Amino acid sequence: MSALTDLALVLFWLSAGLLVFTHFGYPVALWLLDALGVGGDVGQPRHRQVGRIPLVLGDEDTDENGLPKVSLIVAAYNEESVIAAKVENALALEYPRGMLEIIVASDGSNDTTVEIAREAGADRVLDLPRAGKAATQNAAAAAATGTILAFSDANSVWQPEALGILIEPFADDRVGYVCGQVTFTGPDGGNLEGAYWHYEMKVRELESEVAGITAGNGAIYAVRASNYIDLAPSGSHDLSFPFAMAKRGLRSLYRPKAAAGEKMVPSMDGELARKRRMMVGLWDIVVGEGMIDPRGYGPVYSFEIFSHRLLRYVSPLLHLILLLANLVLLGNGEIYVWALVVQLVVLLFAVVGRWVGWLPFRVARYYVMVTFSIALGLWDRWRHGPPAGWEQAEGTR
């Protein structure tokens, strides 16, 4: 064999192995770690009294039932169509009204978001200049008076009991961040995000039990006010907070019973546009904010970050390497012929899936779209710099 063939063999099997592992082997590895008892009882408060969050937050920060004051923050940009319903949803939460502060922070909205939020009954409405979602959340966090800061998207609908369930783990002082479960509703229009999210949430549930989640979601999550981190405009609470908490020795947990719902982007094209926008700031978080830097992580959390985050983010490169190595290896065994056939069929199915609704075509299209969005985000970041502004995903309001 030539040196090129030897190199192609290594790259082919390494790329294939890493891709299979991140999508299929990693959940199995998490299950085994959980079965072995790795992770302990974090999030199950020590010396806890039922219905109370004692000692950790301090008696001065709680009501007579031991519940802490919570500031529920909704960052909004031109949300006049949903902001009244969001405030009404917050007011309907099963949480003492005197211990709940509802803050709507407008990121330079040029519609009637601010006026409607005030009329709907928000405790505080911040009419801020346009600066981006992260900057808006930073300003709202600075103005909040709660011991716990909870965050929600403007179009997210929380179940009445969701807030109480969401903040329960904070009774354990080893917990820094908690996210709930978001369910996507509405006709999928070919978009398989809802189905994919079921898989993703199962993985996060296992991560939560083992060493902590590696990402949250923007629909429903909370952080201690004392642990809040001001992020750069390119930052994202979903991705930045969990690993930043880990570096502080705190766990980030997932609580599926803290439930919220959102409308799903109705088309695959819309989902691609949404994910492409999300991925623009990814590289600033991975490199600039230090996700890729293992210092401060425990060994198991390092394994989670590598397996669930970094391998996923380099999957476009792994697929490209796999394809190129496969082409070099043609003629070195039938297995490489079939491997190339499989790759080409997936790409063909992804193209045909634009017009054919049969499930295998839709799955192939969704997978290729998600993978391609990572590369497109990097391309957009290189051309235009880090993101600042944000827009609603079409069809989700």
Protein backbone atom coordinates (compact mmCIF):
# COMPACT_ATOMS: atom_id res chain seq x y z
CA MET A 1 0.00 0.00 0.00
CA SER A 2 1.10 3.56 -0.67
CA ALA A 3 1.51 6.17 2.04
CA LEU A 4 -1.62 7.92 0.73
CA THR A 5 -3.64 4.72 1.03
CA ASP A 6 -2.35 4.13 4.56
CA LEU A 7 -3.35 7.65 5.54
CA ALA A 8 -6.75 7.24 3.89
CA LEU A 9 -7.36 4.03 5.84
CA VAL A 10 -6.65 5.75 9.15
CA LEU A 11 -8.76 8.78 8.30
CA PHE A 12 -11.65 6.71 6.95
CA TRP A 13 -12.03 4.51 10.00
CA LEU A 14 -11.30 7.30 12.46
CA SER A 15 -13.93 9.60 10.92
CA ALA A 16 -16.50 6.81 10.59
CA GLY A 17 -15.89 5.68 14.16
CA LEU A 18 -16.21 9.18 15.62
CA LEU A 19 -19.43 9.88 13.70
CA VAL A 20 -21.00 6.60 14.80
CA PHE A 21 -19.87 7.17 18.36
CA THR A 22 -21.22 10.70 18.76
CA HIS A 23 -24.66 9.76 17.45
CA PHE A 24 -25.08 6.22 18.77
CA GLY A 25 -22.23 5.13 21.02
CA TYR A 26 -22.31 8.16 23.30
CA PRO A 27 -25.86 7.58 24.60
CA VAL A 28 -24.92 3.97 25.33
CA ALA A 29 -21.80 5.10 27.17
CA LEU A 30 -23.89 7.51 29.25
CA TRP A 31 -26.34 4.75 30.09
CA LEU A 32 -23.50 2.54 31.28
CA LEU A 33 -22.01 5.34 33.41
CA ASP A 34 -25.42 6.01 34.93
CA ALA A 35 -25.92 2.31 35.63
CA LEU A 36 -22.55 2.28 37.41
CA GLY A 37 -23.75 5.10 39.66
CA VAL A 38 -21.50 7.85 38.30
CA GLY A 39 -22.90 11.26 39.22
CA GLY A 40 -24.35 10.64 42.66
CA ASP A 41 -27.28 12.56 44.06
CA VAL A 42 -26.63 16.10 42.81
CA GLY A 43 -29.89 17.96 42.52
CA GLN A 44 -31.48 15.94 45.30
CA PRO A 45 -31.04 18.50 48.07
CA ARG A 46 -29.21 17.42 51.18
CA HIS A 47 -31.16 17.87 54.45
CA ARG A 48 -34.10 19.14 52.49
CA GLN A 49 -37.54 19.71 53.98
CA VAL A 50 -40.46 19.00 51.66
CA GLY A 51 -41.60 22.16 49.86
CA ARG A 52 -38.70 24.25 51.19
CA ILE A 53 -35.36 25.50 49.97
CA PRO A 54 -33.65 26.11 53.33
CA LEU A 55 -30.13 27.14 54.34
CA VAL A 56 -28.72 27.44 50.84
CA LEU A 57 -30.49 30.67 49.88
CA GLY A 58 -30.85 32.15 53.34
CA ASP A 59 -34.03 32.77 55.30
CA GLU A 60 -34.07 36.44 54.31
CA ASP A 61 -34.47 35.44 50.67
CA THR A 62 -37.47 33.17 51.15
CA ASP A 63 -41.13 33.47 52.07
CA GLU A 64 -42.83 31.70 54.96
CA ASN A 65 -42.89 28.48 52.92
CA GLY A 66 -39.17 28.64 52.18
CA LEU A 67 -39.62 29.63 48.53
CA PRO A 68 -37.07 32.04 47.05
CA LYS A 69 -37.87 35.17 45.07
CA VAL A 70 -37.64 34.43 41.35
CA SER A 71 -37.18 36.95 38.55
CA LEU A 72 -38.67 35.59 35.32
CA ILE A 73 -36.95 37.35 32.42
CA VAL A 74 -38.30 37.47 28.87
CA ALA A 75 -36.02 39.06 26.29
CA ALA A 76 -38.16 40.34 23.42
CA TYR A 77 -37.64 41.84 20.00
CA ASN A 78 -40.80 42.88 18.12
CA GLU A 79 -42.98 40.38 19.98
CA GLU A 80 -46.26 42.32 19.94
CA SER A 81 -48.14 39.28 18.66
CA VAL A 82 -47.25 37.07 21.64
CA ILE A 83 -46.00 39.19 24.53
CA ALA A 84 -49.40 39.70 26.18
CA ALA A 85 -50.02 35.95 26.19
CA LYS A 86 -46.52 35.37 27.58
CA VAL A 87 -47.09 37.76 30.50
CA GLU A 88 -50.49 36.18 31.16
CA ASN A 89 -48.84 32.75 31.13
CA ALA A 90 -46.26 33.95 33.67
CA LEU A 91 -48.96 35.41 35.91
CA ALA A 92 -50.79 32.06 35.85
CA LEU A 93 -47.81 30.11 37.19
CA GLU A 94 -48.38 28.24 40.44
CA TYR A 95 -45.92 30.33 42.41
CA PRO A 96 -46.55 32.96 45.12
CA ARG A 97 -47.17 36.24 43.30
CA GLY A 98 -45.23 38.21 45.88
CA MET A 99 -42.14 36.08 45.23
CA LEU A 100 -42.30 36.34 41.43
CA GLU A 101 -40.93 39.30 39.48
CA ILE A 102 -41.86 39.33 35.79
CA ILE A 103 -39.42 41.31 33.64
CA VAL A 104 -39.84 41.95 29.92
CA ALA A 105 -36.67 43.34 28.35
CA SER A 106 -37.20 44.83 24.90
CA ASP A 107 -34.17 44.76 22.64
CA GLY A 108 -34.95 47.94 20.71
CA SER A 109 -38.36 46.74 19.54
CA ASN A 110 -39.91 49.08 16.97
CA ASP A 111 -43.44 47.74 17.39
CA THR A 112 -45.78 47.91 20.40
CA THR A 113 -44.07 45.18 22.46
CA VAL A 114 -43.21 47.56 25.32
CA GLU A 115 -46.68 49.08 25.63
CA ILE A 116 -48.43 45.70 25.45
CA ALA A 117 -46.11 44.16 28.06
CA ARG A 118 -46.88 46.98 30.48
CA GLU A 119 -50.63 46.72 29.89
CA ALA A 120 -50.49 42.93 30.35
CA GLY A 121 -49.11 43.31 33.89
CA ALA A 122 -45.35 42.75 33.73
CA ASP A 123 -43.68 44.03 36.89
CA ARG A 124 -40.87 45.68 35.00
CA VAL A 125 -40.53 46.50 31.31
CA LEU A 126 -37.09 47.57 30.12
CA ASP A 127 -37.13 49.59 26.89
CA LEU A 128 -33.52 49.08 25.84
CA PRO A 129 -31.60 50.12 22.72
CA ARG A 130 -30.96 47.42 20.11
CA ALA A 131 -27.92 45.47 21.29
CA GLY A 132 -28.68 41.77 20.79
CA LYS A 133 -30.24 39.07 22.93
CA ALA A 134 -27.27 38.43 25.22
CA ALA A 135 -26.84 42.13 26.01
CA THR A 136 -30.58 42.44 26.67
CA GLN A 137 -30.50 39.50 29.06
CA ASN A 138 -27.44 40.95 30.79
CA ALA A 139 -29.30 44.23 31.38
CA ALA A 140 -32.37 42.42 32.68
CA ALA A 141 -30.29 40.27 35.02
CA ALA A 142 -28.61 43.38 36.42
CA ALA A 143 -32.02 44.96 37.10
CA ALA A 144 -33.59 41.82 38.60
CA THR A 145 -34.12 41.46 42.35
CA GLY A 146 -34.69 37.71 42.52
CA THR A 147 -32.37 35.17 44.13
CA ILE A 148 -33.08 32.88 41.16
CA LEU A 149 -33.18 34.18 37.59
CA ALA A 150 -35.49 32.22 35.28
CA PHE A 151 -35.53 32.83 31.53
CA SER A 152 -38.09 32.16 28.84
CA ASP A 153 -38.61 32.85 25.16
CA ALA A 154 -41.48 35.20 24.37
CA ASN A 155 -43.34 32.47 22.49
CA SER A 156 -42.84 29.76 25.14
CA VAL A 157 -45.87 28.59 27.12
CA TRP A 158 -45.01 27.15 30.55
CA GLN A 159 -47.11 24.62 32.38
CA PRO A 160 -48.52 26.08 35.65
CA GLU A 161 -46.27 23.97 37.88
CA ALA A 162 -43.15 24.41 35.74
CA LEU A 163 -41.44 27.19 37.70
CA GLY A 164 -41.69 25.39 41.04
CA ILE A 165 -40.24 22.21 39.56
CA LEU A 166 -37.53 24.15 37.73
CA ILE A 167 -36.11 25.80 40.84
CA GLU A 168 -36.30 22.80 43.21
CA PRO A 169 -32.75 21.55 42.45
CA PHE A 170 -31.26 24.87 43.61
CA ALA A 171 -31.84 23.71 47.18
CA ASP A 172 -28.62 21.80 46.54
CA ASP A 173 -25.73 24.28 46.57
CA ARG A 174 -23.84 22.14 44.04
CA VAL A 175 -26.35 23.14 41.33
CA GLY A 176 -25.81 26.28 39.27
CA TYR A 177 -28.14 25.93 36.27
CA VAL A 178 -31.33 24.00 35.51
CA CYS A 179 -33.27 23.72 32.27
CA GLY A 180 -36.68 22.23 31.66
CA GLN A 181 -38.23 20.40 28.75
CA VAL A 182 -39.55 22.15 25.66
CA THR A 183 -42.06 20.39 23.43
CA PHE A 184 -42.49 21.57 19.86
CA THR A 185 -46.06 21.79 18.63
CA GLY A 186 -47.81 22.38 15.32
CA PRO A 187 -47.59 20.75 11.88
CA ASP A 188 -44.02 19.79 11.08
CA GLY A 189 -44.21 20.62 7.36
CA GLY A 190 -41.40 18.13 6.79
CA ASN A 191 -39.40 19.46 9.74
CA LEU A 192 -38.25 16.64 12.04
CA GLU A 193 -37.01 18.95 14.80
CA GLY A 194 -39.67 17.65 17.20
CA ALA A 195 -38.64 14.04 16.66
CA TYR A 196 -34.95 14.90 16.94
CA TRP A 197 -35.63 16.83 20.15
CA HIS A 198 -37.05 13.68 21.79
CA TYR A 199 -33.73 11.94 21.13
CA GLU A 200 -31.74 14.95 22.33
CA MET A 201 -33.72 15.23 25.55
CA LYS A 202 -33.12 11.56 26.37
CA VAL A 203 -29.40 12.17 25.99
CA ARG A 204 -29.56 15.25 28.21
CA GLU A 205 -31.51 13.33 30.82
CA LEU A 206 -28.65 10.84 31.01
CA GLU A 207 -26.06 13.63 31.06
CA SER A 208 -27.93 15.28 33.92
CA GLU A 209 -27.68 12.10 35.97
CA VAL A 210 -24.00 11.53 35.19
CA ALA A 211 -21.96 14.77 35.18
CA GLY A 212 -24.36 17.50 34.09
CA ILE A 213 -25.85 18.65 30.81
CA THR A 214 -23.66 20.21 28.12
CA ALA A 215 -26.40 22.47 26.70
CA GLY A 216 -29.79 23.81 27.73
CA ASN A 217 -32.62 25.42 25.78
CA GLY A 218 -33.92 28.97 25.56
CA ALA A 219 -37.55 28.14 26.34
CA ILE A 220 -37.25 27.34 30.05
CA TYR A 221 -34.19 27.51 32.30
CA ALA A 222 -32.89 29.15 35.47
CA VAL A 223 -29.64 30.16 37.14
CA ARG A 224 -28.74 31.53 40.55
CA ALA A 225 -28.43 35.32 40.42
CA SER A 226 -25.08 34.99 42.20
CA ASN A 227 -23.81 32.71 39.42
CA TYR A 228 -25.09 34.73 36.47
CA ILE A 229 -22.41 35.47 33.88
CA ASP A 230 -22.51 38.50 31.58
CA LEU A 231 -21.99 37.21 28.05
CA ALA A 232 -20.60 38.87 24.94
CA PRO A 233 -23.08 39.61 22.12
CA SER A 234 -22.12 36.33 20.43
CA GLY A 235 -22.77 34.33 23.59
CA SER A 236 -25.71 32.06 24.28
CA HIS A 237 -27.06 30.99 27.66
CA ASP A 238 -27.98 27.61 26.14
CA LEU A 239 -24.39 26.71 25.33
CA SER A 240 -22.31 29.01 27.53
CA PHE A 241 -23.83 28.55 30.97
CA PRO A 242 -23.55 24.76 31.40
CA PHE A 243 -19.82 24.52 30.71
CA ALA A 244 -19.12 27.80 32.53
CA MET A 245 -20.88 26.40 35.61
CA ALA A 246 -18.82 23.21 35.35
CA LYS A 247 -15.64 25.30 35.47
CA ARG A 248 -16.96 26.81 38.71
CA GLY A 249 -17.54 23.39 40.22
CA LEU A 250 -21.32 23.56 39.75
CA ARG A 251 -23.66 21.13 38.01
CA SER A 252 -26.16 21.93 35.27
CA LEU A 253 -29.26 19.74 35.35
CA TYR A 254 -32.23 18.86 33.17
CA ARG A 255 -35.68 18.53 34.73
CA PRO A 256 -38.16 17.16 32.16
CA LYS A 257 -41.19 17.73 34.40
CA ALA A 258 -40.57 21.48 34.18
CA ALA A 259 -42.38 21.65 30.86
CA ALA A 260 -42.93 24.34 28.26
CA GLY A 261 -44.17 24.37 24.68
CA GLU A 262 -43.25 26.31 21.55
CA LYS A 263 -44.44 26.35 17.98
CA MET A 264 -42.12 24.49 15.64
CA VAL A 265 -40.70 26.12 12.54
CA PRO A 266 -43.22 24.89 9.95
CA SER A 267 -40.80 24.01 7.14
CA MET A 268 -37.40 22.41 6.70
CA ASP A 269 -36.12 25.49 4.87
CA GLY A 270 -37.16 27.64 7.82
CA GLU A 271 -35.45 25.24 10.22
CA LEU A 272 -32.23 25.42 8.20
CA ALA A 273 -32.34 29.23 8.33
CA ARG A 274 -32.92 29.11 12.10
CA LYS A 275 -30.07 26.69 12.76
CA ARG A 276 -27.75 28.61 10.45
CA ARG A 277 -28.34 31.78 12.51
CA MET A 278 -27.80 29.85 15.74
CA MET A 279 -24.49 28.44 14.53
CA VAL A 280 -22.91 31.80 13.66
CA GLY A 281 -21.92 32.47 17.27
CA LEU A 282 -21.01 28.85 17.98
CA TRP A 283 -17.34 29.22 17.21
CA ASP A 284 -16.92 32.20 19.53
CA ILE A 285 -18.39 30.09 22.34
CA VAL A 286 -16.33 26.99 21.59
CA VAL A 287 -13.01 28.81 21.23
CA GLY A 288 -13.38 32.35 22.60
CA GLU A 289 -15.36 31.49 25.74
CA GLY A 290 -13.36 28.35 26.41
CA MET A 291 -15.71 25.41 25.85
CA ILE A 292 -12.86 23.59 24.12
CA ASP A 293 -10.50 24.27 27.05
CA PRO A 294 -10.73 21.29 29.45
CA ARG A 295 -9.27 23.18 32.42
CA GLY A 296 -11.80 23.21 35.24
CA TYR A 297 -13.78 20.21 33.97
CA GLY A 298 -13.91 16.90 35.75
CA PRO A 299 -12.91 13.89 33.63
CA VAL A 300 -16.49 12.71 33.03
CA TYR A 301 -17.73 16.16 32.06
CA SER A 302 -14.75 16.50 29.70
CA PHE A 303 -15.89 13.25 28.10
CA GLU A 304 -19.41 14.68 27.71
CA ILE A 305 -18.19 17.93 26.14
CA PHE A 306 -15.96 16.05 23.71
CA SER A 307 -18.62 13.48 22.77
CA HIS A 308 -21.77 15.58 22.62
CA ARG A 309 -20.48 19.04 21.69
CA LEU A 310 -17.11 19.02 19.97
CA LEU A 311 -17.64 15.89 17.88
CA ARG A 312 -21.05 17.18 16.75
CA TYR A 313 -19.58 20.54 15.79
CA VAL A 314 -16.80 19.03 13.68
CA SER A 315 -19.15 16.51 12.06
CA PRO A 316 -19.22 18.41 8.71
CA LEU A 317 -15.43 18.08 8.55
CA LEU A 318 -15.60 14.43 9.59
CA HIS A 319 -18.10 13.70 6.81
CA LEU A 320 -15.89 15.47 4.25
CA ILE A 321 -12.82 13.53 5.38
CA LEU A 322 -14.82 10.29 5.29
CA LEU A 323 -15.94 10.92 1.71
CA LEU A 324 -12.51 11.92 0.42
CA ALA A 325 -10.80 9.00 2.15
CA ASN A 326 -13.47 6.66 0.78
CA LEU A 327 -12.72 7.82 -2.78
CA VAL A 328 -9.00 7.13 -2.29
CA LEU A 329 -9.76 3.65 -0.95
CA LEU A 330 -11.91 2.50 -3.88
CA GLY A 331 -10.32 -0.63 -5.25
CA ASN A 332 -9.09 -1.75 -1.84
CA GLY A 333 -12.06 -3.89 -0.95
CA GLU A 334 -15.79 -4.19 -1.49
CA ILE A 335 -16.53 -2.56 1.85
CA TYR A 336 -15.34 0.80 0.51
CA VAL A 337 -17.62 0.51 -2.50
CA TRP A 338 -20.61 -0.06 -0.23
CA ALA A 339 -19.49 2.72 2.11
CA LEU A 340 -19.45 5.16 -0.80
CA VAL A 341 -22.83 3.91 -1.98
CA VAL A 342 -24.31 4.54 1.49
CA GLN A 343 -22.94 8.10 1.59
CA LEU A 344 -24.21 8.92 -1.89
CA VAL A 345 -27.63 7.42 -1.15
CA VAL A 346 -27.97 9.56 1.97
CA LEU A 347 -27.12 12.67 -0.05
CA LEU A 348 -29.53 11.64 -2.82
CA PHE A 349 -32.30 10.96 -0.31
CA ALA A 350 -31.66 14.38 1.25
CA VAL A 351 -32.14 16.07 -2.12
CA VAL A 352 -35.22 14.03 -3.02
CA GLY A 353 -36.62 14.66 0.46
CA ARG A 354 -37.39 18.21 -0.59
CA TRP A 355 -40.26 16.85 -2.69
CA VAL A 356 -40.94 13.35 -1.35
CA GLY A 357 -42.46 13.04 2.13
CA TRP A 358 -41.55 9.39 2.76
CA LEU A 359 -39.86 9.15 6.17
CA PRO A 360 -36.42 7.86 5.02
CA PHE A 361 -36.11 10.82 2.66
CA ARG A 362 -37.17 13.27 5.38
CA VAL A 363 -34.72 11.79 7.90
CA ALA A 364 -31.86 12.02 5.40
CA ARG A 365 -32.75 15.59 4.54
CA TYR A 366 -32.98 16.62 8.18
CA TYR A 367 -29.64 15.03 9.07
CA VAL A 368 -27.83 16.63 6.13
CA MET A 369 -29.48 19.97 6.89
CA VAL A 370 -28.44 19.94 10.55
CA THR A 371 -24.88 18.97 9.65
CA PHE A 372 -24.66 21.52 6.84
CA SER A 373 -25.97 24.31 9.09
CA ILE A 374 -22.84 24.02 11.26
CA ALA A 375 -20.61 24.64 8.23
CA LEU A 376 -22.85 27.47 7.01
CA GLY A 377 -22.69 29.12 10.43
CA LEU A 378 -18.88 29.02 10.34
CA TRP A 379 -18.95 30.50 6.81
CA ASP A 380 -21.25 33.32 7.91
CA ARG A 381 -19.09 33.98 10.97
CA TRP A 382 -15.97 34.24 8.78
CA ARG A 383 -17.65 36.60 6.32
CA HIS A 384 -19.61 38.87 8.66
CA GLY A 385 -18.05 38.55 12.11
CA PRO A 386 -19.80 37.62 15.36
CA PRO A 387 -23.58 38.02 15.59
CA ALA A 388 -25.31 40.73 17.58
CA GLY A 389 -28.93 41.12 16.49
CA TRP A 390 -31.52 38.35 16.53
CA GLU A 391 -34.76 37.64 14.75
CA GLN A 392 -37.73 35.36 15.39
CA ALA A 393 -37.86 32.14 13.45
CA GLU A 394 -40.55 32.43 10.80
CA GLY A 395 -43.82 30.70 11.68
CA THR A 396 -43.12 30.23 15.40
CA ARG A 397 -45.32 33.09 16.61
